[in-house]
Amino acid sequence: MPEFITLADGSLAVKGRNLLRDTQTTELESTDAGYLQTGLLPLAIDCKALQGQNVAVSIQCDCENAVAKTTSGHHRMGYELDIGFEDGTAQYIGVWVRFSSTPITVHSRFSETYTILNKPIKSATHSLIYLQHFTADSAKVSKPKLEFGTEATPYSPAPEDEEVTT
């Protein structure tokens, strides 16, 4: 039996439901990342439903001896979504592992929580996994998840992406 959470507007949502599509096989791997990104990960819901809601964003990051390539710019791996509002402003939500000149190794799921601004949403774009400006013995980012609520739950694909057998 699924658990439910109450959203900011009083409606109910399934706790832990991934709001991103096509996440089971979407990943990036590199040992020398310049600026790499995946294809667009579509939302499984109308983006307007995000207005005023608390959301958690999480992603699996695995790397060995990752180090920034330069001293300026972004040196990171992660996921980001650009929410465009009808008034022309934007809010970026994402989760990142950042690199410096000191090598690091990580094998973990990372998460961040956000409150989406409570104003009319026009679009949700650039829903992408990124590898940006670092080198590593190995680096892989995978299994992005966007969900309603204030805590990230373990990875699961969107229900629309799961195989149904009869």
N, C-alpha and C. Protein backbone atom coordinates (compact mmCIF):
# COMPACT_ATOMS: atom_id res chain seq x y z
N MET A 1 0.84 -1.17 0.00
CA MET A 1 0.00 0.00 0.00
C MET A 1 0.89 1.24 0.00
N PRO A 2 0.73 2.14 -0.95
CA PRO A 2 1.60 3.33 -1.00
C PRO A 2 1.31 4.30 0.14
N GLU A 3 2.37 5.02 0.51
CA GLU A 3 2.21 6.12 1.47
C GLU A 3 1.90 7.38 0.69
N PHE A 4 1.17 8.30 1.32
CA PHE A 4 0.83 9.56 0.69
C PHE A 4 1.38 10.72 1.50
N ILE A 5 1.65 11.84 0.81
CA ILE A 5 2.03 13.08 1.47
C ILE A 5 1.04 14.15 1.04
N THR A 6 0.85 15.13 1.90
CA THR A 6 -0.04 16.25 1.60
C THR A 6 0.79 17.37 0.98
N LEU A 7 0.37 17.83 -0.19
CA LEU A 7 1.09 18.90 -0.89
C LEU A 7 0.66 20.26 -0.37
N ALA A 8 1.37 21.30 -0.79
CA ALA A 8 1.12 22.66 -0.33
C ALA A 8 -0.30 23.12 -0.62
N ASP A 9 -0.90 22.61 -1.70
CA ASP A 9 -2.27 23.02 -2.05
C ASP A 9 -3.34 22.16 -1.38
N GLY A 10 -2.91 21.23 -0.51
CA GLY A 10 -3.85 20.36 0.20
C GLY A 10 -4.15 19.04 -0.49
N SER A 11 -3.71 18.88 -1.73
CA SER A 11 -3.94 17.61 -2.43
C SER A 11 -2.95 16.55 -1.95
N LEU A 12 -3.20 15.30 -2.30
CA LEU A 12 -2.33 14.20 -1.90
C LEU A 12 -1.49 13.73 -3.08
N ALA A 13 -0.28 13.24 -2.77
CA ALA A 13 0.59 12.65 -3.79
C ALA A 13 1.23 11.41 -3.19
N VAL A 14 1.59 10.47 -4.05
CA VAL A 14 2.27 9.26 -3.59
C VAL A 14 3.69 9.63 -3.17
N LYS A 15 4.03 9.28 -1.93
CA LYS A 15 5.37 9.57 -1.41
C LYS A 15 6.40 8.77 -2.20
N GLY A 16 7.47 9.43 -2.61
CA GLY A 16 8.57 8.76 -3.29
C GLY A 16 8.39 8.55 -4.77
N ARG A 17 7.29 9.03 -5.36
CA ARG A 17 7.05 8.84 -6.79
C ARG A 17 8.00 9.71 -7.59
N ASN A 18 8.77 9.09 -8.48
CA ASN A 18 9.71 9.84 -9.32
C ASN A 18 8.91 10.64 -10.35
N LEU A 19 9.14 11.94 -10.38
CA LEU A 19 8.44 12.84 -11.30
C LEU A 19 9.19 13.01 -12.62
N LEU A 20 10.34 12.31 -12.75
CA LEU A 20 11.12 12.34 -13.99
C LEU A 20 10.94 11.04 -14.76
N ARG A 21 10.86 11.16 -16.08
CA ARG A 21 10.73 9.99 -16.96
C ARG A 21 12.10 9.60 -17.51
N ASP A 22 12.20 8.37 -17.99
CA ASP A 22 13.37 7.87 -18.70
C ASP A 22 14.65 7.87 -17.86
N THR A 23 14.52 7.62 -16.56
CA THR A 23 15.70 7.69 -15.68
C THR A 23 16.42 6.36 -15.49
N GLN A 24 15.80 5.25 -15.83
CA GLN A 24 16.41 3.94 -15.59
C GLN A 24 17.69 3.73 -16.38
N THR A 25 17.73 4.23 -17.59
CA THR A 25 18.88 4.00 -18.45
C THR A 25 19.66 5.27 -18.79
N THR A 26 19.25 6.39 -18.22
CA THR A 26 19.94 7.64 -18.51
C THR A 26 21.11 7.80 -17.54
N GLU A 27 22.31 7.89 -18.11
CA GLU A 27 23.51 8.07 -17.31
C GLU A 27 24.60 8.69 -18.17
N LEU A 28 25.60 9.24 -17.50
CA LEU A 28 26.78 9.77 -18.19
C LEU A 28 28.01 9.18 -17.52
N GLU A 29 28.99 8.84 -18.36
CA GLU A 29 30.28 8.33 -17.87
C GLU A 29 31.40 9.02 -18.64
N SER A 30 32.49 9.32 -17.93
CA SER A 30 33.65 9.92 -18.59
C SER A 30 34.85 9.88 -17.65
N THR A 31 36.03 9.96 -18.23
CA THR A 31 37.24 10.15 -17.44
C THR A 31 37.82 11.53 -17.68
N ASP A 32 37.30 12.23 -18.69
CA ASP A 32 37.77 13.57 -19.03
C ASP A 32 36.58 14.41 -19.47
N ALA A 33 35.87 14.96 -18.50
CA ALA A 33 34.64 15.70 -18.80
C ALA A 33 34.95 17.16 -19.13
N GLY A 34 34.55 17.56 -20.32
CA GLY A 34 34.57 18.98 -20.67
C GLY A 34 33.23 19.56 -20.25
N TYR A 35 32.25 19.40 -21.13
CA TYR A 35 30.88 19.81 -20.80
C TYR A 35 29.97 18.78 -21.44
N LEU A 36 29.60 17.77 -20.68
CA LEU A 36 28.76 16.69 -21.19
C LEU A 36 27.39 16.77 -20.55
N GLN A 37 26.36 16.45 -21.33
CA GLN A 37 25.01 16.41 -20.79
C GLN A 37 24.20 15.35 -21.52
N THR A 38 23.17 14.85 -20.83
CA THR A 38 22.28 13.86 -21.43
C THR A 38 21.22 14.57 -22.25
N GLY A 39 20.40 13.78 -22.92
CA GLY A 39 19.20 14.32 -23.53
C GLY A 39 18.21 14.70 -22.44
N LEU A 40 17.21 15.43 -22.81
CA LEU A 40 16.20 15.94 -21.89
C LEU A 40 15.48 14.81 -21.16
N LEU A 41 15.37 14.92 -19.85
CA LEU A 41 14.57 14.00 -19.04
C LEU A 41 13.21 14.64 -18.82
N PRO A 42 12.16 14.15 -19.48
CA PRO A 42 10.85 14.80 -19.36
C PRO A 42 10.22 14.60 -17.99
N LEU A 43 9.38 15.55 -17.61
CA LEU A 43 8.60 15.40 -16.39
C LEU A 43 7.43 14.45 -16.65
N ALA A 44 7.07 13.68 -15.64
CA ALA A 44 5.94 12.77 -15.74
C ALA A 44 4.62 13.46 -15.37
N ILE A 45 4.70 14.73 -14.97
CA ILE A 45 3.52 15.52 -14.60
C ILE A 45 3.56 16.85 -15.33
N ASP A 46 2.47 17.58 -15.31
CA ASP A 46 2.44 18.94 -15.85
C ASP A 46 3.31 19.82 -14.94
N CYS A 47 4.24 20.56 -15.50
CA CYS A 47 5.15 21.38 -14.69
C CYS A 47 4.42 22.38 -13.80
N LYS A 48 3.24 22.78 -14.18
CA LYS A 48 2.47 23.74 -13.38
C LYS A 48 2.13 23.18 -12.00
N ALA A 49 2.11 21.84 -11.86
CA ALA A 49 1.81 21.20 -10.58
C ALA A 49 2.93 21.42 -9.55
N LEU A 50 4.10 21.89 -9.98
CA LEU A 50 5.21 22.14 -9.07
C LEU A 50 5.07 23.46 -8.30
N GLN A 51 4.20 24.34 -8.75
CA GLN A 51 4.06 25.68 -8.16
C GLN A 51 3.84 25.60 -6.65
N GLY A 52 4.73 26.25 -5.89
CA GLY A 52 4.61 26.35 -4.44
C GLY A 52 4.89 25.07 -3.66
N GLN A 53 5.36 24.03 -4.33
CA GLN A 53 5.55 22.73 -3.67
C GLN A 53 6.98 22.56 -3.14
N ASN A 54 7.10 21.73 -2.11
CA ASN A 54 8.40 21.26 -1.65
C ASN A 54 8.78 20.07 -2.50
N VAL A 55 10.03 20.03 -2.95
CA VAL A 55 10.51 18.91 -3.74
C VAL A 55 11.90 18.49 -3.26
N ALA A 56 12.19 17.22 -3.47
CA ALA A 56 13.53 16.68 -3.21
C ALA A 56 14.10 16.21 -4.54
N VAL A 57 15.38 16.48 -4.75
CA VAL A 57 16.08 16.08 -5.96
C VAL A 57 17.25 15.20 -5.51
N SER A 58 17.43 14.05 -6.17
CA SER A 58 18.55 13.19 -5.79
C SER A 58 19.15 12.53 -7.03
N ILE A 59 20.41 12.10 -6.88
CA ILE A 59 21.12 11.47 -7.98
C ILE A 59 22.25 10.60 -7.44
N GLN A 60 22.58 9.55 -8.17
CA GLN A 60 23.69 8.67 -7.81
C GLN A 60 24.96 9.20 -8.48
N CYS A 61 26.00 9.40 -7.69
CA CYS A 61 27.29 9.87 -8.21
C CYS A 61 28.39 8.92 -7.77
N ASP A 62 29.16 8.45 -8.75
CA ASP A 62 30.28 7.55 -8.49
C ASP A 62 31.49 8.06 -9.24
N CYS A 63 32.58 8.31 -8.52
CA CYS A 63 33.81 8.75 -9.19
C CYS A 63 35.02 8.34 -8.38
N GLU A 64 36.13 8.18 -9.08
CA GLU A 64 37.41 7.83 -8.47
C GLU A 64 38.42 8.91 -8.84
N ASN A 65 39.02 9.52 -7.82
CA ASN A 65 40.08 10.51 -8.00
C ASN A 65 39.68 11.64 -8.95
N ALA A 66 38.52 12.21 -8.74
CA ALA A 66 38.05 13.32 -9.58
C ALA A 66 38.68 14.63 -9.13
N VAL A 67 39.09 15.42 -10.11
CA VAL A 67 39.75 16.69 -9.83
C VAL A 67 39.35 17.72 -10.89
N ALA A 68 39.22 18.98 -10.49
CA ALA A 68 38.86 20.06 -11.42
C ALA A 68 39.92 20.22 -12.49
N LYS A 69 39.46 20.54 -13.72
CA LYS A 69 40.39 20.72 -14.85
C LYS A 69 41.03 22.11 -14.85
N THR A 70 40.30 23.11 -14.36
CA THR A 70 40.78 24.50 -14.39
C THR A 70 40.49 25.15 -13.05
N THR A 71 40.89 26.40 -12.91
CA THR A 71 40.63 27.12 -11.65
C THR A 71 39.37 27.98 -11.72
N SER A 72 38.73 28.05 -12.88
CA SER A 72 37.50 28.85 -12.99
C SER A 72 36.39 28.02 -13.61
N GLY A 73 35.18 28.46 -13.41
CA GLY A 73 34.03 27.77 -13.98
C GLY A 73 33.49 26.68 -13.07
N HIS A 74 32.52 25.92 -13.59
CA HIS A 74 31.91 24.83 -12.83
C HIS A 74 32.73 23.55 -13.00
N HIS A 75 32.97 22.87 -11.90
CA HIS A 75 33.67 21.58 -11.88
C HIS A 75 32.77 20.66 -11.08
N ARG A 76 31.90 19.92 -11.77
CA ARG A 76 30.86 19.22 -11.02
C ARG A 76 30.20 18.12 -11.83
N MET A 77 29.46 17.28 -11.12
CA MET A 77 28.60 16.28 -11.74
C MET A 77 27.27 16.34 -11.00
N GLY A 78 26.17 16.17 -11.75
CA GLY A 78 24.87 16.20 -11.10
C GLY A 78 23.72 16.36 -12.05
N TYR A 79 22.61 16.87 -11.51
CA TYR A 79 21.35 17.05 -12.24
C TYR A 79 20.83 18.45 -11.97
N GLU A 80 20.17 19.05 -13.00
CA GLU A 80 19.55 20.37 -12.82
C GLU A 80 18.30 20.49 -13.67
N LEU A 81 17.31 21.22 -13.13
CA LEU A 81 16.06 21.55 -13.81
C LEU A 81 15.86 23.05 -13.72
N ASP A 82 15.53 23.67 -14.85
CA ASP A 82 15.27 25.11 -14.94
C ASP A 82 13.76 25.31 -15.00
N ILE A 83 13.20 25.97 -13.98
CA ILE A 83 11.77 26.26 -13.94
C ILE A 83 11.58 27.72 -14.34
N GLY A 84 10.86 27.94 -15.45
CA GLY A 84 10.60 29.29 -15.94
C GLY A 84 9.21 29.74 -15.51
N PHE A 85 9.12 30.95 -14.98
CA PHE A 85 7.85 31.48 -14.51
C PHE A 85 7.26 32.46 -15.53
N GLU A 86 5.96 32.64 -15.45
CA GLU A 86 5.28 33.51 -16.41
C GLU A 86 5.76 34.95 -16.35
N ASP A 87 6.34 35.38 -15.21
CA ASP A 87 6.84 36.76 -15.10
C ASP A 87 8.25 36.92 -15.68
N GLY A 88 8.80 35.86 -16.30
CA GLY A 88 10.11 35.92 -16.94
C GLY A 88 11.28 35.54 -16.05
N THR A 89 11.03 35.26 -14.77
CA THR A 89 12.11 34.84 -13.89
C THR A 89 12.27 33.32 -13.95
N ALA A 90 13.33 32.82 -13.30
CA ALA A 90 13.60 31.39 -13.32
C ALA A 90 14.09 30.94 -11.95
N GLN A 91 13.91 29.66 -11.68
CA GLN A 91 14.45 29.02 -10.48
C GLN A 91 15.13 27.74 -10.94
N TYR A 92 16.37 27.56 -10.50
CA TYR A 92 17.12 26.36 -10.84
C TYR A 92 17.14 25.44 -9.62
N ILE A 93 16.77 24.19 -9.83
CA ILE A 93 16.86 23.22 -8.75
C ILE A 93 17.76 22.09 -9.24
N GLY A 94 18.62 21.63 -8.36
CA GLY A 94 19.52 20.58 -8.77
C GLY A 94 20.30 20.03 -7.59
N VAL A 95 21.10 19.04 -7.89
CA VAL A 95 21.98 18.45 -6.89
C VAL A 95 23.33 18.19 -7.56
N TRP A 96 24.40 18.59 -6.87
CA TRP A 96 25.73 18.58 -7.47
C TRP A 96 26.78 18.02 -6.52
N VAL A 97 27.76 17.34 -7.08
CA VAL A 97 29.02 17.05 -6.40
C VAL A 97 30.03 17.95 -7.08
N ARG A 98 30.73 18.75 -6.30
CA ARG A 98 31.67 19.73 -6.84
C ARG A 98 33.11 19.27 -6.61
N PHE A 99 34.00 19.65 -7.55
CA PHE A 99 35.39 19.22 -7.50
C PHE A 99 36.32 20.42 -7.39
N SER A 100 37.48 20.19 -6.78
CA SER A 100 38.51 21.21 -6.66
C SER A 100 39.83 20.60 -7.15
N SER A 101 40.93 21.21 -6.78
CA SER A 101 42.24 20.69 -7.19
C SER A 101 42.66 19.49 -6.35
N THR A 102 41.92 19.18 -5.29
CA THR A 102 42.20 18.01 -4.46
C THR A 102 41.35 16.84 -4.93
N PRO A 103 41.96 15.73 -5.34
CA PRO A 103 41.18 14.59 -5.85
C PRO A 103 40.23 14.04 -4.78
N ILE A 104 39.02 13.65 -5.22
CA ILE A 104 38.07 13.00 -4.31
C ILE A 104 37.48 11.76 -4.98
N THR A 105 37.07 10.84 -4.13
CA THR A 105 36.38 9.63 -4.55
C THR A 105 35.05 9.58 -3.81
N VAL A 106 33.96 9.38 -4.55
CA VAL A 106 32.64 9.26 -3.93
C VAL A 106 31.87 8.13 -4.60
N HIS A 107 31.07 7.47 -3.81
CA HIS A 107 30.14 6.44 -4.28
C HIS A 107 28.91 6.57 -3.41
N SER A 108 28.01 7.47 -3.79
CA SER A 108 26.88 7.76 -2.93
C SER A 108 25.74 8.40 -3.70
N ARG A 109 24.59 8.43 -3.05
CA ARG A 109 23.42 9.15 -3.56
C ARG A 109 23.40 10.49 -2.85
N PHE A 110 23.24 11.57 -3.61
CA PHE A 110 23.23 12.93 -3.07
C PHE A 110 21.85 13.54 -3.28
N SER A 111 21.43 14.40 -2.36
CA SER A 111 20.11 15.02 -2.49
C SER A 111 20.10 16.44 -1.97
N GLU A 112 19.13 17.20 -2.46
CA GLU A 112 18.85 18.57 -2.02
C GLU A 112 17.34 18.73 -1.99
N THR A 113 16.85 19.63 -1.14
CA THR A 113 15.42 19.94 -1.12
C THR A 113 15.22 21.42 -1.45
N TYR A 114 14.08 21.70 -2.05
CA TYR A 114 13.74 23.05 -2.49
C TYR A 114 12.26 23.31 -2.26
N THR A 115 11.92 24.58 -2.12
CA THR A 115 10.53 25.02 -2.20
C THR A 115 10.41 25.79 -3.51
N ILE A 116 9.57 25.30 -4.40
CA ILE A 116 9.36 25.97 -5.68
C ILE A 116 8.57 27.25 -5.40
N LEU A 117 8.97 28.34 -6.04
CA LEU A 117 8.29 29.62 -5.82
C LEU A 117 6.80 29.48 -6.13
N ASN A 118 6.00 30.17 -5.33
CA ASN A 118 4.55 30.08 -5.48
C ASN A 118 4.06 31.16 -6.44
N LYS A 119 4.38 30.97 -7.71
CA LYS A 119 3.89 31.86 -8.76
C LYS A 119 3.73 31.03 -10.03
N PRO A 120 2.90 31.50 -10.96
CA PRO A 120 2.58 30.69 -12.14
C PRO A 120 3.82 30.26 -12.93
N ILE A 121 3.86 28.96 -13.24
CA ILE A 121 4.98 28.36 -13.97
C ILE A 121 4.63 28.30 -15.45
N LYS A 122 5.58 28.73 -16.27
CA LYS A 122 5.41 28.69 -17.72
C LYS A 122 6.02 27.42 -18.31
N SER A 123 7.21 27.02 -17.79
CA SER A 123 7.91 25.89 -18.39
C SER A 123 8.88 25.26 -17.41
N ALA A 124 9.27 24.04 -17.72
CA ALA A 124 10.35 23.36 -17.00
C ALA A 124 11.27 22.79 -18.08
N THR A 125 12.49 23.31 -18.16
CA THR A 125 13.41 22.95 -19.24
C THR A 125 14.77 22.54 -18.66
N HIS A 126 15.64 22.14 -19.53
CA HIS A 126 17.01 21.76 -19.18
C HIS A 126 17.03 20.75 -18.04
N SER A 127 16.13 19.79 -18.08
CA SER A 127 16.10 18.69 -17.11
C SER A 127 17.15 17.68 -17.58
N LEU A 128 18.39 17.86 -17.07
CA LEU A 128 19.53 17.13 -17.63
C LEU A 128 20.50 16.66 -16.55
N ILE A 129 21.21 15.58 -16.86
CA ILE A 129 22.37 15.15 -16.08
C ILE A 129 23.60 15.77 -16.73
N TYR A 130 24.53 16.23 -15.89
CA TYR A 130 25.73 16.90 -16.40
C TYR A 130 27.02 16.32 -15.80
N LEU A 131 28.09 16.36 -16.59
CA LEU A 131 29.47 16.21 -16.14
C LEU A 131 30.19 17.44 -16.67
N GLN A 132 30.83 18.23 -15.78
CA GLN A 132 31.38 19.51 -16.22
C GLN A 132 32.80 19.75 -15.70
N HIS A 133 33.76 19.78 -16.62
CA HIS A 133 35.10 20.30 -16.42
C HIS A 133 35.89 19.65 -15.28
N PHE A 134 36.05 18.34 -15.37
CA PHE A 134 36.91 17.64 -14.42
C PHE A 134 37.46 16.38 -15.08
N THR A 135 38.52 15.85 -14.48
CA THR A 135 39.05 14.56 -14.91
C THR A 135 38.93 13.59 -13.73
N ALA A 136 38.93 12.30 -14.05
CA ALA A 136 38.80 11.27 -13.01
C ALA A 136 39.29 9.95 -13.57
N ASP A 137 39.68 9.04 -12.68
CA ASP A 137 39.98 7.68 -13.13
C ASP A 137 38.71 7.04 -13.69
N SER A 138 37.59 7.36 -13.07
CA SER A 138 36.27 6.97 -13.57
C SER A 138 35.24 7.91 -12.96
N ALA A 139 34.16 8.16 -13.71
CA ALA A 139 33.07 9.01 -13.20
C ALA A 139 31.78 8.61 -13.89
N LYS A 140 30.75 8.44 -13.08
CA LYS A 140 29.44 8.07 -13.61
C LYS A 140 28.37 8.73 -12.75
N VAL A 141 27.40 9.34 -13.41
CA VAL A 141 26.26 9.94 -12.72
C VAL A 141 25.00 9.30 -13.32
N SER A 142 24.06 8.90 -12.44
CA SER A 142 22.90 8.14 -12.91
C SER A 142 21.73 8.24 -11.93
N LYS A 143 20.61 7.67 -12.34
CA LYS A 143 19.40 7.51 -11.52
C LYS A 143 18.90 8.80 -10.87
N PRO A 144 18.62 9.83 -11.68
CA PRO A 144 18.06 11.06 -11.11
C PRO A 144 16.63 10.84 -10.63
N LYS A 145 16.25 11.58 -9.59
CA LYS A 145 14.89 11.48 -9.07
C LYS A 145 14.45 12.85 -8.57
N LEU A 146 13.24 13.24 -8.98
CA LEU A 146 12.58 14.45 -8.50
C LEU A 146 11.28 13.97 -7.88
N GLU A 147 11.01 14.39 -6.64
CA GLU A 147 9.81 13.92 -5.96
C GLU A 147 9.24 15.02 -5.08
N PHE A 148 7.95 14.95 -4.82
CA PHE A 148 7.32 15.87 -3.89
C PHE A 148 7.76 15.52 -2.47
N GLY A 149 7.91 16.54 -1.63
CA GLY A 149 8.24 16.32 -0.22
C GLY A 149 9.54 16.98 0.17
N THR A 150 9.89 16.80 1.44
CA THR A 150 11.08 17.44 1.99
C THR A 150 12.20 16.46 2.29
N GLU A 151 12.04 15.21 1.87
CA GLU A 151 13.14 14.26 2.03
C GLU A 151 13.20 13.35 0.81
N ALA A 152 14.42 13.05 0.42
CA ALA A 152 14.62 12.15 -0.72
C ALA A 152 14.44 10.71 -0.26
N THR A 153 13.80 9.92 -1.10
CA THR A 153 13.63 8.49 -0.83
C THR A 153 14.52 7.72 -1.79
N PRO A 154 14.75 6.42 -1.54
CA PRO A 154 15.60 5.64 -2.45
C PRO A 154 15.11 5.72 -3.89
N TYR A 155 16.05 5.55 -4.83
CA TYR A 155 15.72 5.64 -6.25
C TYR A 155 14.65 4.63 -6.64
N SER A 156 13.75 5.09 -7.48
CA SER A 156 12.79 4.24 -8.19
C SER A 156 12.43 4.97 -9.47
N PRO A 157 12.14 4.26 -10.54
CA PRO A 157 11.74 4.92 -11.78
C PRO A 157 10.32 5.46 -11.67
N ALA A 158 9.95 6.34 -12.58
CA ALA A 158 8.56 6.79 -12.66
C ALA A 158 7.70 5.57 -12.98
N PRO A 159 6.49 5.51 -12.42
CA PRO A 159 5.62 4.36 -12.72
C PRO A 159 5.41 4.14 -14.22
N GLU A 160 5.40 5.21 -14.99
CA GLU A 160 5.20 5.11 -16.44
C GLU A 160 6.36 4.38 -17.13
N ASP A 161 7.51 4.32 -16.48
CA ASP A 161 8.70 3.71 -17.07
C ASP A 161 8.90 2.26 -16.67
N GLU A 162 8.11 1.77 -15.75
CA GLU A 162 8.27 0.39 -15.32
C GLU A 162 7.54 -0.55 -16.29
N GLU A 163 8.19 -1.69 -16.55
CA GLU A 163 7.59 -2.70 -17.45
C GLU A 163 6.40 -3.34 -16.77
N VAL A 164 5.35 -3.54 -17.51
CA VAL A 164 4.17 -4.22 -17.02
C VAL A 164 4.08 -5.57 -17.72
N THR A 165 4.02 -6.63 -16.93
CA THR A 165 3.87 -7.95 -17.51
C THR A 165 2.49 -8.49 -17.18
N THR A 166 1.88 -9.14 -18.15
CA THR A 166 0.55 -9.69 -17.93
C THR A 166 0.55 -11.19 -18.09
